[in-house]
PDB file of N, CA and C in Angstrom:
ATOM      1  N   MET A   1       0.858  -1.162   0.029  1.00  0.00           N
ATOM      2  CA  MET A   1      -0.153   0.047   0.018  1.00  0.00           C
ATOM      3  C   MET A   1       0.884   1.356  -0.269  1.00  0.00           C
ATOM      4  N   TYR A   2       0.383   2.190  -0.722  1.00  0.00           N
ATOM      5  CA  TYR A   2       1.178   3.459  -0.866  1.00  0.00           C
ATOM      6  C   TYR A   2       0.258   4.617  -0.653  1.00  0.00           C
ATOM      7  N   VAL A   3       0.938   5.421   0.239  1.00  0.00           N
ATOM      8  CA  VAL A   3       0.050   6.694   0.725  1.00  0.00           C
ATOM      9  C   VAL A   3       1.050   8.096   0.328  1.00  0.00           C
ATOM     10  N   ALA A   4       0.931   8.843  -0.703  1.00  0.00           N
ATOM     11  CA  ALA A   4       1.407   9.916  -1.068  1.00  0.00           C
ATOM     12  C   ALA A   4       3.026   9.468  -1.796  1.00  0.00           C
ATOM     13  N   ASP A   5       2.953   8.374  -2.225  1.00  0.00           N
ATOM     14  CA  ASP A   5       4.178   7.590  -2.816  1.00  0.00           C
ATOM     15  C   ASP A   5       5.065   7.121  -1.777  1.00  0.00           C
ATOM     16  N   VAL A   6       4.337   6.828  -0.450  1.00  0.00           N
ATOM     17  CA  VAL A   6       5.115   6.425   0.567  1.00  0.00           C
ATOM     18  C   VAL A   6       5.041   5.072   0.785  1.00  0.00           C
ATOM     19  N   HIS A   7       5.512   4.038   0.878  1.00  0.00           N
ATOM     20  CA  HIS A   7       5.336   2.711   0.840  1.00  0.00           C
ATOM     21  C   HIS A   7       5.114   2.283   2.400  1.00  0.00           C
ATOM     22  N   ILE A   8       3.910   1.813   2.740  1.00  0.00           N
ATOM     23  CA  ILE A   8       3.689   1.590   3.872  1.00  0.00           C
ATOM     24  C   ILE A   8       3.469   0.200   4.462  1.00  0.00           C
ATOM     25  N   VAL A   9       4.308  -0.297   5.259  1.00  0.00           N
ATOM     26  CA  VAL A   9       4.327  -1.943   5.549  1.00  0.00           C
ATOM     27  C   VAL A   9       3.114  -2.248   6.242  1.00  0.00           C
ATOM     28  N   LYS A  10       2.735  -3.779   5.956  1.00  0.00           N
ATOM     29  CA  LYS A  10       1.601  -4.266   6.485  1.00  0.00           C
ATOM     30  C   LYS A  10       1.030  -3.987   7.795  1.00  0.00           C
ATOM     31  N   ARG A  11       2.079  -4.018   8.655  1.00  0.00           N
ATOM     32  CA  ARG A  11       1.707  -3.940  10.057  1.00  0.00           C
ATOM     33  C   ARG A  11       1.195  -2.348  10.447  1.00  0.00           C
ATOM     34  N   ASN A  12       1.311  -1.495   9.841  1.00  0.00           N
ATOM     35  CA  ASN A  12       0.991  -0.002   9.824  1.00  0.00           C
ATOM     36  C   ASN A  12      -0.040   0.452   9.238  1.00  0.00           C
ATOM     37  N   TYR A  13      -0.854  -0.671   8.596  1.00  0.00           N
ATOM     38  CA  TYR A  13      -2.304  -0.045   7.726  1.00  0.00           C
ATOM     39  C   TYR A  13      -3.340   0.348   9.050  1.00  0.00           C
ATOM     40  N   GLY A  14      -3.401  -0.208   9.829  1.00  0.00           N
ATOM     41  CA  GLY A  14      -4.140   0.272  10.847  1.00  0.00           C
ATOM     42  C   GLY A  14      -4.119   1.687  11.302  1.00  0.00           C
ATOM     43  N   LEU A  15      -2.852   2.050  11.592  1.00  0.00           N
ATOM     44  CA  LEU A  15      -2.330   3.464  12.205  1.00  0.00           C
ATOM     45  C   LEU A  15      -2.575   4.573  10.903  1.00  0.00           C
ATOM     46  N   VAL A  16      -2.203   3.993   9.690  1.00  0.00           N
ATOM     47  CA  VAL A  16      -2.356   5.027   8.626  1.00  0.00           C
ATOM     48  C   VAL A  16      -3.977   5.331   8.422  1.00  0.00           C
ATOM     49  N   VAL A  17      -4.613   4.274   8.492  1.00  0.00           N
ATOM     50  CA  VAL A  17      -6.175   4.516   8.136  1.00  0.00           C
ATOM     51  C   VAL A  17      -6.778   5.253   9.369  1.00  0.00           C
ATOM     52  N   ALA A  18      -6.355   5.035  10.662  1.00  0.00           N
ATOM     53  CA  ALA A  18      -6.591   5.771  11.880  1.00  0.00           C
ATOM     54  C   ALA A  18      -6.276   7.037  11.708  1.00  0.00           C
ATOM     55  N   GLU A  19      -5.091   7.503  11.234  1.00  0.00           N
ATOM     56  CA  GLU A  19      -4.588   8.753  11.085  1.00  0.00           C
ATOM     57  C   GLU A  19      -5.600   9.667  10.313  1.00  0.00           C
ATOM     58  N   PHE A  20      -5.599   9.118   9.021  1.00  0.00           N
ATOM     59  CA  PHE A  20      -6.363   9.835   7.926  1.00  0.00           C
ATOM     60  C   PHE A  20      -7.820   9.883   8.638  1.00  0.00           C
ATOM     61  N   LEU A  21      -8.393   8.940   9.210  1.00  0.00           N
ATOM     62  CA  LEU A  21     -10.035   8.723   9.720  1.00  0.00           C
ATOM     63  C   LEU A  21     -10.109  10.064  10.701  1.00  0.00           C
ATOM     64  N   PHE A  22      -9.298   9.732  11.756  1.00  0.00           N
ATOM     65  CA  PHE A  22      -9.782  10.921  12.892  1.00  0.00           C
ATOM     66  C   PHE A  22      -9.266  12.331  12.332  1.00  0.00           C
ATOM     67  N   THR A  23      -8.216  12.654  11.613  1.00  0.00           N
ATOM     68  CA  THR A  23      -7.802  13.898  10.758  1.00  0.00           C
ATOM     69  C   THR A  23      -9.172  14.632   9.933  1.00  0.00           C
ATOM     70  N   THR A  24      -9.506  13.626   9.338  1.00  0.00           N
ATOM     71  CA  THR A  24     -10.837  13.811   8.552  1.00  0.00           C
ATOM     72  C   THR A  24     -12.151  14.295   9.322  1.00  0.00           C
ATOM     73  N   LEU A  25     -12.349  13.442  10.156  1.00  0.00           N
ATOM     74  CA  LEU A  25     -13.461  13.722  11.096  1.00  0.00           C
ATOM     75  C   LEU A  25     -13.309  15.285  11.989  1.00  0.00           C
ATOM     76  N   ALA A  26     -12.117  15.424  12.663  1.00  0.00           N
ATOM     77  CA  ALA A  26     -11.905  16.385  13.213  1.00  0.00           C
ATOM     78  C   ALA A  26     -12.030  17.810  12.492  1.00  0.00           C
ATOM     79  N   VAL A  27     -11.556  17.629  11.117  1.00  0.00           N
ATOM     80  CA  VAL A  27     -11.729  18.814  10.238  1.00  0.00           C
ATOM     81  C   VAL A  27     -13.259  18.993  10.075  1.00  0.00           C
ATOM     82  N   VAL A  28     -13.830  17.816   9.781  1.00  0.00           N
ATOM     83  CA  VAL A  28     -15.344  18.126   9.163  1.00  0.00           C
ATOM     84  C   VAL A  28     -16.170  18.845  10.362  1.00  0.00           C
ATOM     85  N   ALA A  29     -15.656  18.432  11.656  1.00  0.00           N
ATOM     86  CA  ALA A  29     -16.523  18.834  12.973  1.00  0.00           C
ATOM     87  C   ALA A  29     -16.138  20.300  12.764  1.00  0.00           C
ATOM     88  N   VAL A  30     -14.697  20.675  12.835  1.00  0.00           N
ATOM     89  CA  VAL A  30     -14.279  22.254  12.772  1.00  0.00           C
ATOM     90  C   VAL A  30     -15.102  22.717  11.893  1.00  0.00           C
ATOM     91  N   VAL A  31     -15.129  22.429  10.470  1.00  0.00           N
ATOM     92  CA  VAL A  31     -15.715  23.040   9.387  1.00  0.00           C
ATOM     93  C   VAL A  31     -17.047  23.324   9.933  1.00  0.00           C
ATOM     94  N   LEU A  32     -17.985  22.219  10.310  1.00  0.00           N
ATOM     95  CA  LEU A  32     -19.390  22.447  10.693  1.00  0.00           C
ATOM     96  C   LEU A  32     -19.697  23.255  11.960  1.00  0.00           C
ATOM     97  N   ARG A  33     -18.840  23.222  12.784  1.00  0.00           N
ATOM     98  CA  ARG A  33     -18.869  24.217  14.152  1.00  0.00           C
ATOM     99  C   ARG A  33     -19.002  25.784  13.509  1.00  0.00           C
ATOM    100  N   LEU A  34     -17.692  25.930  12.625  1.00  0.00           N
ATOM    101  CA  LEU A  34     -17.750  27.212  11.991  1.00  0.00           C
ATOM    102  C   LEU A  34     -18.719  27.887  11.388  1.00  0.00           C
ATOM    103  N   VAL A  35     -19.378  27.020  10.277  1.00  0.00           N
ATOM    104  CA  VAL A  35     -20.390  27.521   9.679  1.00  0.00           C
ATOM    105  C   VAL A  35     -21.798  27.625  10.285  1.00  0.00           C
ATOM    106  N   THR A  36     -21.660  26.698  11.612  1.00  0.00           N
ATOM    107  CA  THR A  36     -23.019  27.189  12.494  1.00  0.00           C
ATOM    108  C   THR A  36     -22.744  28.379  13.350  1.00  0.00           C
ATOM    109  N   ARG A  37     -21.758  28.313  13.592  1.00  0.00           N
ATOM    110  CA  ARG A  37     -21.219  29.709  14.559  1.00  0.00           C
ATOM    111  C   ARG A  37     -21.325  31.037  13.685  1.00  0.00           C
ATOM    112  N   MET A  38     -20.915  31.013  12.080  1.00  0.00           N
ATOM    113  CA  MET A  38     -21.000  31.808  11.511  1.00  0.00           C
ATOM    114  C   MET A  38     -22.284  32.417  10.607  1.00  0.00           C
ATOM    115  N   VAL A  39     -23.395  31.149  10.488  1.00  0.00           N
ATOM    116  CA  VAL A  39     -24.517  31.230   9.736  1.00  0.00           C
ATOM    117  C   VAL A  39     -25.778  31.592  10.407  1.00  0.00           C
ATOM    118  N   PHE A  40     -25.959  30.573  11.634  1.00  0.00           N
ATOM    119  CA  PHE A  40     -26.775  30.207  12.497  1.00  0.00           C
ATOM    120  C   PHE A  40     -26.824  31.390  13.703  1.00  0.00           C
ATOM    121  N   VAL A  41     -25.681  31.045  14.275  1.00  0.00           N
ATOM    122  CA  VAL A  41     -25.547  31.699  15.587  1.00  0.00           C
ATOM    123  C   VAL A  41     -25.094  33.478  15.554  1.00  0.00           C
ATOM    124  N   ARG A  42     -24.216  33.644  14.595  1.00  0.00           N
ATOM    125  CA  ARG A  42     -23.796  35.061  14.124  1.00  0.00           C
ATOM    126  C   ARG A  42     -23.115  35.527  15.124  1.00  0.00           C
ATOM    127  N   ASN A  43     -22.217  34.531  15.961  1.00  0.00           N
ATOM    128  CA  ASN A  43     -21.298  34.903  17.122  1.00  0.00           C
ATOM    129  C   ASN A  43     -20.128  34.037  16.919  1.00  0.00           C
ATOM    130  N   VAL A  44     -19.189  34.612  16.473  1.00  0.00           N
ATOM    131  CA  VAL A  44     -17.753  33.669  16.397  1.00  0.00           C
ATOM    132  C   VAL A  44     -16.722  34.013  17.219  1.00  0.00           C
ATOM    133  N   GLY A  45     -16.377  33.469  17.990  1.00  0.00           N
ATOM    134  CA  GLY A  45     -15.564  34.046  19.228  1.00  0.00           C
ATOM    135  C   GLY A  45     -13.981  33.352  19.047  1.00  0.00           C
ATOM    136  N   VAL A  46     -13.016  33.947  19.933  1.00  0.00           N
ATOM    137  CA  VAL A  46     -11.753  33.626  19.965  1.00  0.00           C
ATOM    138  C   VAL A  46     -11.707  32.254  19.811  1.00  0.00           C
ATOM    139  N   ASP A  47     -12.421  31.508  20.698  1.00  0.00           N
ATOM    140  CA  ASP A  47     -12.461  29.894  20.718  1.00  0.00           C
ATOM    141  C   ASP A  47     -12.401  29.215  19.365  1.00  0.00           C
ATOM    142  N   ASP A  48     -13.278  29.582  18.501  1.00  0.00           N
ATOM    143  CA  ASP A  48     -13.179  29.304  17.393  1.00  0.00           C
ATOM    144  C   ASP A  48     -12.130  29.594  16.403  1.00  0.00           C
ATOM    145  N   GLY A  49     -11.295  30.386  16.556  1.00  0.00           N
ATOM    146  CA  GLY A  49      -9.884  30.819  16.325  1.00  0.00           C
ATOM    147  C   GLY A  49      -9.154  30.150  16.589  1.00  0.00           C
ATOM    148  N   PHE A  50      -8.854  29.504  18.029  1.00  0.00           N
ATOM    149  CA  PHE A  50      -8.029  28.700  18.453  1.00  0.00           C
ATOM    150  C   PHE A  50      -8.291  27.306  17.772  1.00  0.00           C
ATOM    151  N   ILE A  51      -9.622  26.893  17.882  1.00  0.00           N
ATOM    152  CA  ILE A  51     -10.002  25.502  17.132  1.00  0.00           C
ATOM    153  C   ILE A  51      -9.553  25.606  15.539  1.00  0.00           C
ATOM    154  N   THR A  52      -9.616  26.605  14.983  1.00  0.00           N
ATOM    155  CA  THR A  52      -9.200  26.628  13.595  1.00  0.00           C
ATOM    156  C   THR A  52      -7.905  26.363  13.496  1.00  0.00           C
ATOM    157  N   ILE A  53      -7.065  26.989  14.254  1.00  0.00           N
ATOM    158  CA  ILE A  53      -5.597  26.961  14.252  1.00  0.00           C
ATOM    159  C   ILE A  53      -5.248  25.820  14.710  1.00  0.00           C
ATOM    160  N   ALA A  54      -5.735  25.072  15.548  1.00  0.00           N
ATOM    161  CA  ALA A  54      -5.365  23.536  15.906  1.00  0.00           C
ATOM    162  C   ALA A  54      -5.905  22.614  14.828  1.00  0.00           C
ATOM    163  N   ALA A  55      -7.010  22.880  14.292  1.00  0.00           N
ATOM    164  CA  ALA A  55      -7.214  21.874  13.156  1.00  0.00           C
ATOM    165  C   ALA A  55      -6.095  21.891  11.894  1.00  0.00           C
ATOM    166  N   LEU A  56      -5.593  23.141  11.720  1.00  0.00           N
ATOM    167  CA  LEU A  56      -4.277  23.725  10.605  1.00  0.00           C
ATOM    168  C   LEU A  56      -3.275  23.000  11.038  1.00  0.00           C
ATOM    169  N   GLY A  57      -3.107  23.011  12.322  1.00  0.00           N
ATOM    170  CA  GLY A  57      -1.628  22.382  13.003  1.00  0.00           C
ATOM    171  C   GLY A  57      -1.656  20.664  12.800  1.00  0.00           C
ATOM    172  N   THR A  58      -2.977  20.144  13.341  1.00  0.00           N
ATOM    173  CA  THR A  58      -3.195  19.065  12.964  1.00  0.00           C
ATOM    174  C   THR A  58      -2.868  18.362  11.463  1.00  0.00           C
ATOM    175  N   ILE A  59      -3.398  19.324  10.303  1.00  0.00           N
ATOM    176  CA  ILE A  59      -3.430  18.834   9.048  1.00  0.00           C
ATOM    177  C   ILE A  59      -1.839  19.145   8.803  1.00  0.00           C
ATOM    178  N   ALA A  60      -1.248  20.111   9.222  1.00  0.00           N
ATOM    179  CA  ALA A  60       0.211  20.501   8.993  1.00  0.00           C
ATOM    180  C   ALA A  60       1.151  19.171   9.375  1.00  0.00           C
ATOM    181  N   PHE A  61       0.752  18.624  10.724  1.00  0.00           N
ATOM    182  CA  PHE A  61       1.665  17.595  11.285  1.00  0.00           C
ATOM    183  C   PHE A  61       1.345  16.305  10.083  1.00  0.00           C
ATOM    184  N   LEU A  62       0.177  16.078   9.790  1.00  0.00           N
ATOM    185  CA  LEU A  62       0.034  15.013   8.964  1.00  0.00           C
ATOM    186  C   LEU A  62       0.715  14.949   7.770  1.00  0.00           C
ATOM    187  N   VAL A  63       0.643  16.168   7.020  1.00  0.00           N
ATOM    188  CA  VAL A  63       1.495  16.600   5.892  1.00  0.00           C
ATOM    189  C   VAL A  63       3.039  16.455   6.139  1.00  0.00           C
ATOM    190  N   GLY A  64       3.466  16.927   7.058  1.00  0.00           N
ATOM    191  CA  GLY A  64       5.250  16.737   7.601  1.00  0.00           C
ATOM    192  C   GLY A  64       5.452  15.411   7.766  1.00  0.00           C
ATOM    193  N   ALA A  65       4.665  14.611   8.559  1.00  0.00           N
ATOM    194  CA  ALA A  65       4.697  13.329   8.738  1.00  0.00           C
ATOM    195  C   ALA A  65       5.020  12.542   7.342  1.00  0.00           C
ATOM    196  N   ILE A  66       4.287  12.641   6.672  1.00  0.00           N
ATOM    197  CA  ILE A  66       4.029  12.124   5.182  1.00  0.00           C
ATOM    198  C   ILE A  66       5.367  12.468   4.187  1.00  0.00           C
ATOM    199  N   GLU A  67       5.529  13.850   4.338  1.00  0.00           N
ATOM    200  CA  GLU A  67       7.094  14.261   3.489  1.00  0.00           C
ATOM    201  C   GLU A  67       8.114  13.861   4.412  1.00  0.00           C
ATOM    202  N   ARG A  68       8.034  13.861   5.301  1.00  0.00           N
ATOM    203  CA  ARG A  68       9.370  13.436   6.188  1.00  0.00           C
ATOM    204  C   ARG A  68       9.781  12.007   5.898  1.00  0.00           C
ATOM    205  N   LYS A  69       8.537  11.201   6.026  1.00  0.00           N
ATOM    206  CA  LYS A  69       8.874   9.629   5.148  1.00  0.00           C
ATOM    207  C   LYS A  69       9.093   9.413   3.869  1.00  0.00           C
ATOM    208  N   ALA A  70       8.711  10.423   3.148  1.00  0.00           N
ATOM    209  CA  ALA A  70       8.906  10.477   1.605  1.00  0.00           C
ATOM    210  C   ALA A  70      10.387  10.761   1.553  1.00  0.00           C
ATOM    211  N   ASN A  71      10.801  11.839   1.999  1.00  0.00           N
ATOM    212  CA  ASN A  71      12.291  12.251   1.741  1.00  0.00           C
ATOM    213  C   ASN A  71      13.033  11.493   2.583  1.00  0.00           C
ATOM    214  N   SER A  72      12.890  10.774   3.424  1.00  0.00           N
ATOM    215  CA  SER A  72      13.876  10.322   4.434  1.00  0.00           C
ATOM    216  C   SER A  72      14.765   9.162   3.451  1.00  0.00           C
ATOM    217  N   ARG A  73      16.006   9.514   3.689  1.00  0.00           N
ATOM    218  CA  ARG A  73      17.293   8.613   2.884  1.00  0.00           C
ATOM    219  C   ARG A  73      17.566   7.430   3.909  1.00  0.00           C
ATOM    220  N   PHE A  74      16.938   7.304   5.228  1.00  0.00           N
ATOM    221  CA  PHE A  74      17.572   6.582   6.161  1.00  0.00           C
ATOM    222  C   PHE A  74      16.843   5.673   6.377  1.00  0.00           C
ATOM    223  N   THR A  75      17.128   4.370   6.717  1.00  0.00           N
ATOM    224  CA  THR A  75      16.190   3.386   7.137  1.00  0.00           C
ATOM    225  C   THR A  75      16.471   3.015   8.439  1.00  0.00           C
ATOM    226  N   CYS A  76      15.384   2.591   9.204  1.00  0.00           N
ATOM    227  CA  CYS A  76      15.525   2.250  10.547  1.00  0.00           C
ATOM    228  C   CYS A  76      15.786   0.436  10.612  1.00  0.00           C
ATOM    229  N   ALA A  77      16.703   0.197  11.541  1.00  0.00           N
ATOM    230  CA  ALA A  77      16.926  -1.112  11.572  1.00  0.00           C
ATOM    231  C   ALA A  77      15.996  -1.744  12.363  1.00  0.00           C
ATOM    232  N   SER A  78      15.730  -3.239  11.796  1.00  0.00           N
ATOM    233  CA  SER A  78      14.732  -3.836  12.676  1.00  0.00           C
ATOM    234  C   SER A  78      15.548  -4.367  13.492  1.00  0.00           C
ATOM    235  N   MET A  79      14.335  -5.151  14.408  1.00  0.00           N
ATOM    236  CA  MET A  79      15.177  -5.812  15.620  1.00  0.00           C
ATOM    237  C   MET A  79      16.041  -7.305  15.087  1.00  0.00           C
ATOM    238  N   GLY A  80      15.828  -7.663  14.100  1.00  0.00           N
ATOM    239  CA  GLY A  80      16.408  -8.873  13.652  1.00  0.00           C
ATOM    240  C   GLY A  80      17.729  -8.377  13.162  1.00  0.00           C
ATOM    241  N   ASP A  81      18.046  -7.062  12.715  1.00  0.00           N
ATOM    242  CA  ASP A  81      19.345  -6.795  12.486  1.00  0.00           C
ATOM    243  C   ASP A  81      20.242  -6.242  13.655  1.00  0.00           C
ATOM    244  N   ILE A  82      19.776  -6.362  14.728  1.00  0.00           N
ATOM    245  CA  ILE A  82      20.475  -5.626  16.078  1.00  0.00           C
ATOM    246  C   ILE A  82      21.268  -6.764  16.675  1.00  0.00           C
TER     247      ILE A  82
END
């Protein structure tokens, strides 16, 4: 399995799926909250700004982790190599 041209070993499939699933759910929740606060309540607060910044940070972390793995020239030794 490849994610962003990065080979994912079989034992990490669950981790990759969980990472994308929960990041997507969090971003959807933030977007729904912002739409609700802007359209229906018409009262956007500082907390909404902090939540948006946290969601953007989560996305940046996910992208950074994938980019780091894609650009990595080093491989980790497995327990069998030690």
